[in-house]
Amino acid sequence: MTSKSAILAAAVGSLLVLPGTAFSADETSMEKCYGVAKAGKNDCAGAAHACAGQSSKSGSPSDFLKVPKGTCERIVGGRLAPGK
């Protein structure tokens, strides 16, 4: 294995460890922010679908992203309750 391959393998291996630890957030410190999700980037089910990542329209008032508390109302178009 060349040194480039070893470095690449180590970098990829470290990425597999991070999502479970460094990027996990306490659910109590997060809030649902409606109206800001890009198409296909929503965090949970919406009125027209049953799964995360299935929104078909950016900025849909019924789809949300989880963001740190206190952040949603500072985002243009963000609201704490689903819209119509």
Protein backbone atom coordinates (compact mmCIF):
# COMPACT_ATOMS: atom_id res chain seq x y z
CA MET A 1 0.00 0.00 0.00
CA THR A 2 1.43 3.37 -0.97
CA SER A 3 1.51 6.24 1.47
CA LYS A 4 -1.25 8.03 -0.48
CA SER A 5 -3.45 4.95 -0.23
CA ALA A 6 -2.76 4.61 3.48
CA ILE A 7 -3.63 8.25 4.11
CA LEU A 8 -6.82 7.96 2.06
CA ALA A 9 -7.83 4.77 3.88
CA ALA A 10 -7.25 6.42 7.26
CA ALA A 11 -9.26 9.49 6.26
CA VAL A 12 -12.20 7.44 5.00
CA GLY A 13 -12.09 5.23 8.09
CA SER A 14 -12.22 8.23 10.38
CA LEU A 15 -15.30 9.57 8.57
CA LEU A 16 -17.15 6.37 9.34
CA VAL A 17 -16.62 6.90 13.06
CA LEU A 18 -17.69 10.56 13.26
CA PRO A 19 -21.41 10.48 12.42
CA GLY A 20 -22.32 8.49 15.51
CA THR A 21 -20.42 10.68 17.93
CA ALA A 22 -19.37 14.13 16.79
CA PHE A 23 -22.50 14.95 14.83
CA SER A 24 -25.10 13.58 17.21
CA ALA A 25 -27.17 16.26 18.89
CA ASP A 26 -29.35 16.07 21.93
CA GLU A 27 -32.98 16.07 20.73
CA THR A 28 -33.92 18.58 23.45
CA SER A 29 -31.52 21.12 21.97
CA MET A 30 -33.09 20.89 18.51
CA GLU A 31 -36.33 22.25 17.03
CA LYS A 32 -38.29 21.59 13.86
CA CYS A 33 -37.98 24.42 11.34
CA TYR A 34 -40.69 24.37 8.68
CA GLY A 35 -40.48 26.01 5.26
CA VAL A 36 -36.70 25.97 4.80
CA ALA A 37 -35.92 22.45 3.56
CA LYS A 38 -34.61 22.06 0.02
CA ALA A 39 -36.30 19.48 -2.21
CA GLY A 40 -35.16 16.02 -1.15
CA LYS A 41 -33.36 17.30 1.97
CA ASN A 42 -36.14 17.26 4.60
CA ASP A 43 -35.59 15.51 7.94
CA CYS A 44 -38.87 13.67 8.36
CA ALA A 45 -42.22 12.75 6.89
CA GLY A 46 -44.48 15.43 5.50
CA ALA A 47 -48.07 15.70 4.37
CA ALA A 48 -47.35 14.27 0.90
CA HIS A 49 -44.79 11.56 1.79
CA ALA A 50 -43.80 9.18 4.54
CA CYS A 51 -40.05 9.47 4.77
CA ALA A 52 -37.08 11.80 5.18
CA GLY A 53 -35.52 13.04 1.96
CA GLN A 54 -38.71 12.72 -0.08
CA SER A 55 -39.88 16.34 -0.27
CA SER A 56 -40.45 17.34 -3.88
CA LYS A 57 -40.50 21.12 -3.46
CA SER A 58 -37.98 23.48 -1.84
CA GLY A 59 -39.45 25.64 0.91
CA SER A 60 -42.51 23.45 1.40
CA PRO A 61 -44.46 24.73 4.42
CA SER A 62 -45.15 21.18 5.63
CA ASP A 63 -41.56 19.84 5.50
CA PHE A 64 -38.96 20.60 8.14
CA LEU A 65 -35.31 20.44 9.09
CA LYS A 66 -34.08 19.98 12.64
CA VAL A 67 -31.96 22.96 13.66
CA PRO A 68 -30.48 24.12 16.99
CA LYS A 69 -33.08 25.80 19.22
CA GLY A 70 -33.38 29.52 18.63
CA THR A 71 -32.14 29.28 15.04
CA CYS A 72 -35.32 28.70 13.03
CA GLU A 73 -36.94 32.08 13.47
CA ARG A 74 -33.68 33.73 12.37
CA ILE A 75 -33.78 31.93 8.99
CA VAL A 76 -35.71 33.70 6.21
CA GLY A 77 -38.94 31.74 5.70
CA GLY A 78 -38.40 29.59 8.82
CA ARG A 79 -41.28 28.96 11.20
CA LEU A 80 -41.84 26.66 14.16
CA ALA A 81 -45.21 25.29 13.00
CA PRO A 82 -46.21 23.77 9.66
CA GLY A 83 -47.90 26.12 7.23
CA LYS A 84 -50.46 25.60 4.54
